[in-house]
Amino acid sequence: MINDVFIISYFGDTPEKITARSELLILEVTWLFEANPAARIHIFWQNSAESMISDSRITYIIPDDPNKLYNAAEARNELLKYIYASRSEIDEFFLMDDDMELKEGSINPFQYIELLHSLHIDFDCLSFISEREHCIRDGNSLLTKNARIWSGFLCLKNFWKWYGFEQYFDTSMNCHQDNDFGLNLIFNGFHVYMVSNPSHISKRGASVMFNGGRDRKVRSLLAKQYMTEKWNQIAGFEVINPNKLFNTTKFENRFGKYPSRILLSVTGIPQIIEQR
């Protein structure tokens, strides 16, 4: 069973945000330990020492530059460096934001990964989605090949241990770094899936990395323009159009040589219902 969980944590710069986000982190750590009492939680910490949760199972990773605010991509990369440096100690791990809620009745994510292993399903990156409308409600679980990963809750292999390869997030981007990360993985031959379960993980907090909705919209457009130039050139065809919603199906089919859809039964005896 996975025991290592890595979390990036920044509560924001106002008393209201700090209070709200610190409470969300406490809730997250609580359900993680309830789901797996043997879990080891590692947090990239960009908050005050007074807000630290006292628990011997939690390791706080303090930034090298305490005066710098690491954006989400930079913070995740600091954790990935920590993981890759361990070389053989960590097989796979969860990488999460600090405001994830496990909805009541949800599948235990630690046990879910064990279920996939028991069915010999090969994956390098799983993205647990939070959008309610994508959830499967008949007791099944659906894995779909999808480069548009959501970085709020990922399960990743230790790429260095398995392949001698280190993959990082693009720190030049302030938005859509997770989509770029997913495209990179598929282009490099890794198996990337989005997971839809009978119930879901929910992101409780508002983003603390943007100065309002307009700032987020501008950064999103800049990121799409950057990704358009980058990935259309790499692929040799249109992967992304900054003026449209992402449609990466052609890219996924061209470079992702693995099953595009796996439907599982997760009630009773676990089994693969469909794979194509």
Foldseek 3Di string as FASTA:
>chain_A
DAAEEEEEDDQFDDPVSNVVLLVLLVQVVVVLCVLPVNHAYEYADLDDPVSDDDDPSYHYDYDPDNVDDQAPQRSVVVVLVVLVVVQAPGFKYKYAYRRKDQDPPFDSVVVVVVLCVVQVPFAFKEAFDADPVQADAPQKKKKFQDLQGDNRIMMGGSCCNVPVDGQGFDRVANPSSSSVSSLVQLQVAGGYIYMHYNHGMHGDDDDNSAPDDVRRVVSLLVVQVVCQVVVCVVVVHGQGDSVDPGDRVVSCVVRHPAWRMWMWRPPDDIDTPDTD
